[in-house]
Amino acid sequence: MRPSLKTSAVLLTLSLALSTGAVSAAPMVTSLNAGTAPQAASSTAAKTFTIELNGSAISGKGFQPSGAKEPLIPLRIVSEALGFTVTWNTATKAVDLNKGNIFTTVKSGENRYTVNKMNTTLSTAPLTKENKLYVPASFVSKVLRQTISVEGQQIVIAPAAEHMKESGVITAINTDGKYPSVQIKGTGTSGIVLNVGEDTLFQMADGTKLTLADLQIGMTVEAEHAMFSTRSLPPQTPVYQITVKDTEKPAMLLGTEGTIESVTTSEDGTRMIRIKGTGLSETSQSEIVLRLSADTALVKETGEAVDAAAIVQGAKVIGFYGPMLTKSLPAIGTAWKVVVVTPQP
């Protein structure tokens, strides 16, 4: 439930969200009152624009002052029509916008829009006209992540797809601190980081419920996440649901990323690979010899199967294995899954 806004509010600030994405619309039209923030000077040269959302006109209008690069639109009317909760934040003297995993803040006079911890600027700072806060029309696409176009004297907003699905092998899990996350499809600056929220659902493919603590590096998952992401390396995005695609849920997995130093075959015909590189966790080995059993999964970073012919000397791989290892140097274990890393272009 949205707390009522104080009509004497000074205007607003834009903070926290991601840098590309999408939300759906749930029309509801109200106005945003502002208090003592600087007012935009009225101009007879200013163009006015009607605003259409999902094929229907909304009550607010946009305007474009002489010399402005793009039209300005009423923040609250458009945001609430798109289904966002708009709340006055007394502590920051800003307006917070929230919908699902999208959170942003707008402050009058500050051309700094923060989307999921990443700052961006638009053509102008938010400004006040006739006691209402206005933002550039590009705020809808670059911050709220909807589709927007200007057709003559009409601004047309259409909902973008809200979620997308992506599969990959987990390479890192962060359960500490305020911002838990799961990285898939690569390590370091590769892949994508899925930011976990309070509403994120975890499950097995058969629907069995899981928690973040049940996830292990090495698992292949399907993630349903936002259409938008930060421009960081790796990019980050809110995740709504993570489904483990492996039928087996191992108790504990270790991982080593590196290069296959050698491929050998034992007397009983078992192939063995020696990986030298970096451990993915504190207890993982930097160098390991892994037996490839009939049950060892050979996959790409996306979880798609690869042919055994891809396991050759010099290949970049990530080997996942259990904690039962020999005390030899290097230690020997059995591979649960081997990810063949795709060469970067």
Protein backbone atom coordinates (compact mmCIF):
# COMPACT_ATOMS: atom_id res chain seq x y z
CA MET A 1 0.00 0.00 0.00
CA ARG A 2 1.41 3.39 -0.99
CA PRO A 3 1.82 5.97 1.80
CA SER A 4 0.23 9.33 0.95
CA LEU A 5 2.55 12.01 -0.40
CA LYS A 6 2.94 15.32 1.39
CA THR A 7 1.71 18.15 -0.82
CA SER A 8 4.45 20.40 0.50
CA ALA A 9 7.12 18.02 -0.81
CA VAL A 10 10.22 19.59 -2.41
CA LEU A 11 10.96 17.53 -5.52
CA LEU A 12 12.44 14.39 -6.23
CA THR A 13 15.69 12.23 -6.90
CA LEU A 14 16.53 9.28 -9.04
CA SER A 15 18.49 6.46 -7.37
CA LEU A 16 18.99 2.66 -7.54
CA ALA A 17 17.79 0.34 -10.34
CA LEU A 18 19.48 -1.26 -13.40
CA SER A 19 20.46 0.05 -16.76
CA THR A 20 18.28 -1.82 -19.24
CA GLY A 21 14.99 -3.61 -18.96
CA ALA A 22 11.21 -3.75 -18.87
CA VAL A 23 8.07 -3.63 -16.82
CA SER A 24 4.38 -4.05 -17.55
CA ALA A 25 1.64 -1.47 -17.27
CA ALA A 26 -1.35 -1.35 -14.94
CA PRO A 27 -3.12 1.97 -15.70
CA MET A 28 -3.92 4.18 -12.71
CA VAL A 29 -3.75 7.93 -13.11
CA THR A 30 -3.02 10.48 -10.37
CA SER A 31 -0.97 13.66 -10.13
CA LEU A 32 2.24 14.44 -8.26
CA ASN A 33 2.26 17.67 -6.35
CA ALA A 34 5.51 19.48 -5.67
CA GLY A 35 6.37 22.26 -3.30
CA THR A 36 9.12 24.80 -3.37
CA ALA A 37 11.36 23.38 -6.10
CA PRO A 38 12.29 25.74 -8.97
CA GLN A 39 9.45 26.09 -11.45
CA ALA A 40 9.89 25.82 -15.21
CA ALA A 41 9.15 29.09 -16.93
CA SER A 42 6.04 28.91 -19.10
CA SER A 43 6.62 29.65 -22.76
CA THR A 44 4.20 30.31 -25.57
CA ALA A 45 6.68 28.49 -27.79
CA ALA A 46 6.41 25.24 -25.84
CA LYS A 47 4.83 22.34 -27.71
CA THR A 48 2.26 20.20 -25.92
CA PHE A 49 1.91 16.43 -26.34
CA THR A 50 -0.83 13.96 -25.57
CA ILE A 51 0.32 10.70 -23.97
CA GLU A 52 -0.99 7.30 -25.00
CA LEU A 53 -0.38 4.13 -23.00
CA ASN A 54 -1.47 0.70 -24.24
CA GLY A 55 -3.63 2.34 -26.88
CA SER A 56 -5.48 4.62 -24.43
CA ALA A 57 -4.86 8.27 -23.63
CA ILE A 58 -3.92 9.19 -20.06
CA SER A 59 -4.93 12.46 -18.40
CA GLY A 60 -1.49 14.06 -18.19
CA LYS A 61 0.16 15.93 -21.02
CA GLY A 62 3.77 16.45 -21.96
CA PHE A 63 5.43 19.60 -23.19
CA GLN A 64 8.63 20.57 -24.96
CA PRO A 65 10.08 24.01 -24.21
CA SER A 66 11.77 25.90 -27.01
CA GLY A 67 15.30 24.54 -27.48
CA ALA A 68 14.69 21.32 -25.51
CA LYS A 69 15.97 18.11 -27.08
CA GLU A 70 12.92 16.02 -26.17
CA PRO A 71 9.47 16.33 -24.60
CA LEU A 72 9.01 16.30 -20.82
CA ILE A 73 6.33 14.14 -19.21
CA PRO A 74 4.60 14.22 -15.78
CA LEU A 75 6.49 11.72 -13.63
CA ARG A 76 3.78 10.50 -11.31
CA ILE A 77 0.95 10.21 -13.81
CA VAL A 78 3.06 8.14 -16.20
CA SER A 79 4.80 6.06 -13.52
CA GLU A 80 1.57 5.07 -11.75
CA ALA A 81 -0.08 4.33 -15.09
CA LEU A 82 2.78 1.89 -15.65
CA GLY A 83 2.05 0.19 -12.34
CA PHE A 84 4.78 1.77 -10.20
CA THR A 85 4.24 2.70 -6.56
CA VAL A 86 5.28 6.31 -6.02
CA THR A 87 6.28 7.33 -2.49
CA TRP A 88 7.64 10.52 -1.00
CA ASN A 89 10.85 9.87 0.96
CA THR A 90 11.11 12.43 3.74
CA ALA A 91 14.68 11.49 4.65
CA THR A 92 16.10 12.02 1.16
CA LYS A 93 13.52 14.63 0.07
CA ALA A 94 12.99 12.53 -3.01
CA VAL A 95 10.32 10.41 -4.63
CA ASP A 96 10.89 6.64 -4.72
CA LEU A 97 9.46 4.57 -7.56
CA ASN A 98 9.08 0.84 -7.07
CA LYS A 99 7.67 -2.07 -9.00
CA GLY A 100 8.78 -5.65 -8.41
CA ASN A 101 12.58 -5.69 -8.50
CA ILE A 102 12.81 -2.20 -10.04
CA PHE A 103 13.57 0.63 -7.64
CA THR A 104 14.59 4.14 -8.60
CA THR A 105 14.53 7.60 -7.05
CA VAL A 106 14.00 10.98 -8.70
CA LYS A 107 15.12 14.33 -7.32
CA SER A 108 14.23 17.66 -8.86
CA GLY A 109 17.10 19.54 -10.44
CA GLU A 110 19.53 16.58 -10.47
CA ASN A 111 20.37 15.13 -13.87
CA ARG A 112 21.58 11.89 -12.32
CA TYR A 113 19.44 8.82 -12.74
CA THR A 114 20.63 5.75 -10.87
CA VAL A 115 19.38 2.43 -12.18
CA ASN A 116 20.31 -0.60 -10.06
CA LYS A 117 23.43 1.09 -8.68
CA MET A 118 24.48 2.39 -12.12
CA ASN A 119 24.25 6.13 -12.84
CA THR A 120 23.09 7.57 -16.12
CA THR A 121 22.15 11.05 -17.37
CA LEU A 122 19.36 12.13 -19.70
CA SER A 123 18.87 15.23 -21.84
CA THR A 124 17.90 17.32 -18.82
CA ALA A 125 17.30 17.19 -15.08
CA PRO A 126 13.78 16.73 -13.67
CA LEU A 127 11.96 20.04 -13.33
CA THR A 128 8.73 21.41 -11.92
CA LYS A 129 5.93 23.09 -13.84
CA GLU A 130 2.61 24.11 -12.32
CA ASN A 131 3.51 22.26 -9.13
CA LYS A 132 4.16 18.94 -10.88
CA LEU A 133 7.45 17.15 -11.51
CA TYR A 134 8.41 16.43 -15.11
CA VAL A 135 11.14 14.16 -16.49
CA PRO A 136 12.46 13.70 -20.04
CA ALA A 137 10.44 11.25 -22.14
CA SER A 138 13.55 9.05 -22.43
CA PHE A 139 13.15 8.34 -18.69
CA VAL A 140 10.46 5.84 -19.71
CA SER A 141 12.83 3.82 -21.90
CA LYS A 142 16.19 4.28 -20.17
CA VAL A 143 15.02 4.03 -16.56
CA LEU A 144 11.55 2.42 -16.52
CA ARG A 145 12.49 0.31 -19.56
CA GLN A 146 9.33 0.61 -21.60
CA THR A 147 9.01 1.19 -25.33
CA ILE A 148 8.36 4.85 -26.15
CA SER A 149 8.07 6.84 -29.37
CA VAL A 150 7.08 10.38 -30.36
CA GLU A 151 4.69 10.60 -33.26
CA GLY A 152 3.91 14.20 -34.13
CA GLN A 153 2.33 15.76 -31.05
CA GLN A 154 1.71 12.39 -29.42
CA ILE A 155 3.90 10.35 -27.07
CA VAL A 156 3.19 6.63 -27.40
CA ILE A 157 4.19 4.20 -24.63
CA ALA A 158 3.95 0.44 -25.08
CA PRO A 159 4.80 -2.26 -22.55
CA ALA A 160 7.98 -4.19 -23.19
CA ALA A 161 8.44 -7.85 -22.35
CA GLU A 162 8.85 -8.07 -18.59
CA HIS A 163 10.93 -11.21 -18.19
CA MET A 164 13.36 -13.29 -20.19
CA LYS A 165 14.77 -16.77 -19.62
CA GLU A 166 18.42 -17.71 -19.75
CA SER A 167 20.19 -20.96 -18.93
CA GLY A 168 23.69 -21.44 -17.62
CA VAL A 169 25.99 -23.21 -15.19
CA ILE A 170 26.46 -21.58 -11.77
CA THR A 171 30.05 -20.45 -11.20
CA ALA A 172 29.64 -18.32 -8.06
CA ILE A 173 27.10 -17.82 -5.28
CA ASN A 174 27.12 -14.85 -2.93
CA THR A 175 25.02 -15.41 0.19
CA ASP A 176 26.69 -12.77 2.35
CA GLY A 177 25.66 -9.21 2.99
CA LYS A 178 22.66 -7.27 1.83
CA TYR A 179 22.80 -8.18 -1.85
CA PRO A 180 22.86 -11.95 -2.48
CA SER A 181 23.52 -13.05 -6.04
CA VAL A 182 24.24 -15.97 -8.35
CA GLN A 183 26.64 -15.82 -11.30
CA ILE A 184 26.09 -18.04 -14.33
CA LYS A 185 27.65 -18.58 -17.79
CA GLY A 186 31.17 -17.56 -16.82
CA THR A 187 33.55 -16.37 -14.14
CA GLY A 188 35.16 -13.02 -13.40
CA THR A 189 33.89 -10.44 -15.90
CA SER A 190 32.18 -13.09 -18.04
CA GLY A 191 28.62 -14.35 -17.76
CA ILE A 192 25.86 -12.56 -15.88
CA VAL A 193 25.14 -11.89 -12.20
CA LEU A 194 21.58 -12.58 -11.03
CA ASN A 195 20.66 -10.31 -8.11
CA VAL A 196 18.43 -12.24 -5.72
CA GLY A 197 15.51 -10.48 -4.01
CA GLU A 198 13.09 -11.40 -1.25
CA ASP A 199 10.56 -12.58 -3.84
CA THR A 200 12.96 -14.72 -5.89
CA LEU A 201 11.69 -18.29 -6.22
CA PHE A 202 13.98 -21.34 -6.25
CA GLN A 203 12.91 -24.79 -7.41
CA MET A 204 13.87 -28.06 -9.07
CA ALA A 205 12.56 -28.84 -12.54
CA ASP A 206 9.86 -31.04 -10.97
CA GLY A 207 8.60 -28.12 -8.88
CA THR A 208 10.28 -29.09 -5.60
CA LYS A 209 10.89 -25.88 -3.66
CA LEU A 210 14.45 -24.85 -2.87
CA THR A 211 16.21 -21.96 -1.17
CA LEU A 212 19.32 -20.03 -2.12
CA ALA A 213 21.27 -22.20 0.34
CA ASP A 214 20.37 -25.29 -1.74
CA LEU A 215 22.17 -24.01 -4.82
CA GLN A 216 25.68 -25.24 -5.64
CA ILE A 217 28.33 -24.12 -8.08
CA GLY A 218 28.24 -26.47 -11.05
CA MET A 219 24.45 -26.71 -11.20
CA THR A 220 22.80 -25.93 -14.51
CA VAL A 221 19.89 -23.57 -13.98
CA GLU A 222 17.27 -21.71 -15.95
CA ALA A 223 16.88 -18.13 -14.72
CA GLU A 224 13.85 -15.96 -15.32
CA HIS A 225 15.14 -12.42 -14.98
CA ALA A 226 14.45 -8.84 -16.00
CA MET A 227 14.93 -7.63 -19.56
CA PHE A 228 17.33 -4.97 -18.34
CA SER A 229 20.83 -5.20 -16.90
CA THR A 230 23.68 -2.97 -15.83
CA ARG A 231 26.50 -2.08 -18.20
CA SER A 232 29.05 -3.44 -15.76
CA LEU A 233 31.23 -6.49 -16.41
CA PRO A 234 29.69 -8.87 -15.77
CA PRO A 235 26.25 -7.30 -16.20
CA GLN A 236 23.80 -7.59 -13.31
CA THR A 237 20.04 -8.06 -13.42
CA PRO A 238 17.20 -8.86 -10.97
CA VAL A 239 16.15 -12.52 -11.02
CA TYR A 240 12.57 -13.65 -10.37
CA GLN A 241 12.95 -17.42 -10.50
CA ILE A 242 15.82 -19.92 -10.64
CA THR A 243 15.06 -23.50 -11.69
CA VAL A 244 17.70 -26.22 -11.27
CA LYS A 245 17.71 -28.37 -14.40
CA ASP A 246 19.97 -31.15 -13.07
CA THR A 247 18.02 -34.20 -11.94
CA GLU A 248 20.62 -34.93 -9.27
CA LYS A 249 21.21 -32.43 -6.45
CA PRO A 250 24.72 -33.03 -5.10
CA ALA A 251 25.44 -32.32 -1.44
CA MET A 252 28.59 -30.31 -2.14
CA LEU A 253 30.60 -29.37 -5.18
CA LEU A 254 34.04 -27.87 -5.73
CA GLY A 255 35.24 -26.26 -8.94
CA THR A 256 38.47 -25.55 -10.79
CA GLU A 257 38.73 -23.27 -13.81
CA GLY A 258 41.77 -23.58 -16.04
CA THR A 259 43.46 -25.28 -18.95
CA ILE A 260 43.59 -29.01 -19.59
CA GLU A 261 47.27 -29.82 -19.18
CA SER A 262 46.94 -33.44 -20.26
CA VAL A 263 44.40 -36.10 -21.22
CA THR A 264 45.25 -39.71 -20.35
CA THR A 265 43.51 -43.06 -20.33
CA SER A 266 43.91 -45.48 -17.42
CA GLU A 267 44.30 -49.25 -17.76
CA ASP A 268 40.57 -49.77 -17.29
CA GLY A 269 39.81 -47.34 -20.13
CA THR A 270 38.81 -44.37 -17.97
CA ARG A 271 39.75 -40.97 -19.39
CA MET A 272 41.44 -38.58 -16.97
CA ILE A 273 42.13 -34.88 -17.39
CA ARG A 274 44.54 -32.69 -15.50
CA ILE A 275 43.33 -29.10 -15.01
CA LYS A 276 45.62 -26.32 -13.85
CA GLY A 277 44.19 -22.93 -13.02
CA THR A 278 42.13 -21.36 -10.23
CA GLY A 279 39.83 -22.82 -7.60
CA LEU A 280 36.31 -21.37 -7.54
CA SER A 281 36.00 -21.63 -3.76
CA GLU A 282 38.25 -21.69 -0.71
CA THR A 283 38.33 -25.50 -0.61
CA SER A 284 38.60 -26.00 -4.38
CA GLN A 285 41.90 -27.09 -5.93
CA SER A 286 44.03 -24.90 -8.21
CA GLU A 287 45.25 -28.08 -9.88
CA ILE A 288 43.25 -31.27 -10.06
CA VAL A 289 43.14 -34.61 -11.92
CA LEU A 290 39.57 -35.63 -12.72
CA ARG A 291 38.23 -38.99 -13.86
CA LEU A 292 35.57 -38.73 -16.55
CA SER A 293 32.93 -41.34 -15.74
CA ALA A 294 29.91 -42.37 -17.77
CA ASP A 295 27.85 -40.03 -15.57
CA THR A 296 30.08 -36.97 -16.05
CA ALA A 297 28.13 -34.22 -17.84
CA LEU A 298 30.07 -32.42 -20.60
CA VAL A 299 28.46 -29.06 -21.35
CA LYS A 300 28.91 -25.47 -22.53
CA GLU A 301 28.54 -22.47 -20.17
CA THR A 302 24.85 -22.42 -21.13
CA GLY A 303 24.38 -26.02 -19.99
CA GLU A 304 24.03 -27.43 -23.51
CA ALA A 305 25.75 -30.77 -24.04
CA VAL A 306 29.04 -30.96 -25.96
CA ASP A 307 30.77 -33.91 -27.58
CA ALA A 308 33.53 -35.74 -25.72
CA ALA A 309 35.85 -34.73 -28.58
CA ALA A 310 35.89 -31.20 -27.08
CA ILE A 311 37.90 -32.51 -24.10
CA VAL A 312 41.42 -32.08 -25.45
CA GLN A 313 44.75 -30.78 -24.21
CA GLY A 314 44.79 -26.98 -24.18
CA ALA A 315 41.02 -26.59 -23.87
CA LYS A 316 39.73 -24.05 -21.36
CA VAL A 317 37.36 -25.77 -18.96
CA ILE A 318 35.73 -25.61 -15.56
CA GLY A 319 35.70 -28.93 -13.74
CA PHE A 320 33.17 -29.55 -10.96
CA TYR A 321 33.73 -32.42 -8.55
CA GLY A 322 32.88 -33.67 -5.06
CA PRO A 323 34.99 -33.21 -1.93
CA MET A 324 36.22 -36.85 -1.85
CA LEU A 325 39.76 -36.53 -3.22
CA THR A 326 43.00 -38.44 -2.92
CA LYS A 327 45.80 -36.93 -0.84
CA SER A 328 48.17 -37.02 -3.80
CA LEU A 329 49.60 -33.93 -5.51
CA PRO A 330 47.71 -33.03 -7.51
CA ALA A 331 44.62 -34.51 -5.90
CA ILE A 332 42.48 -36.92 -7.91
CA GLY A 333 38.71 -36.96 -7.97
CA THR A 334 35.73 -37.78 -10.19
CA ALA A 335 34.23 -35.08 -12.38
CA TRP A 336 30.52 -34.44 -11.85
CA LYS A 337 30.39 -31.91 -14.66
CA VAL A 338 32.91 -30.35 -17.02
CA VAL A 339 32.13 -27.03 -18.69
CA VAL A 340 33.97 -26.35 -21.95
CA VAL A 341 34.58 -22.59 -21.99
CA THR A 342 33.75 -20.92 -25.30
CA PRO A 343 36.71 -18.83 -26.58
CA GLN A 344 36.01 -15.10 -26.35
CA PRO A 345 35.83 -13.31 -29.75
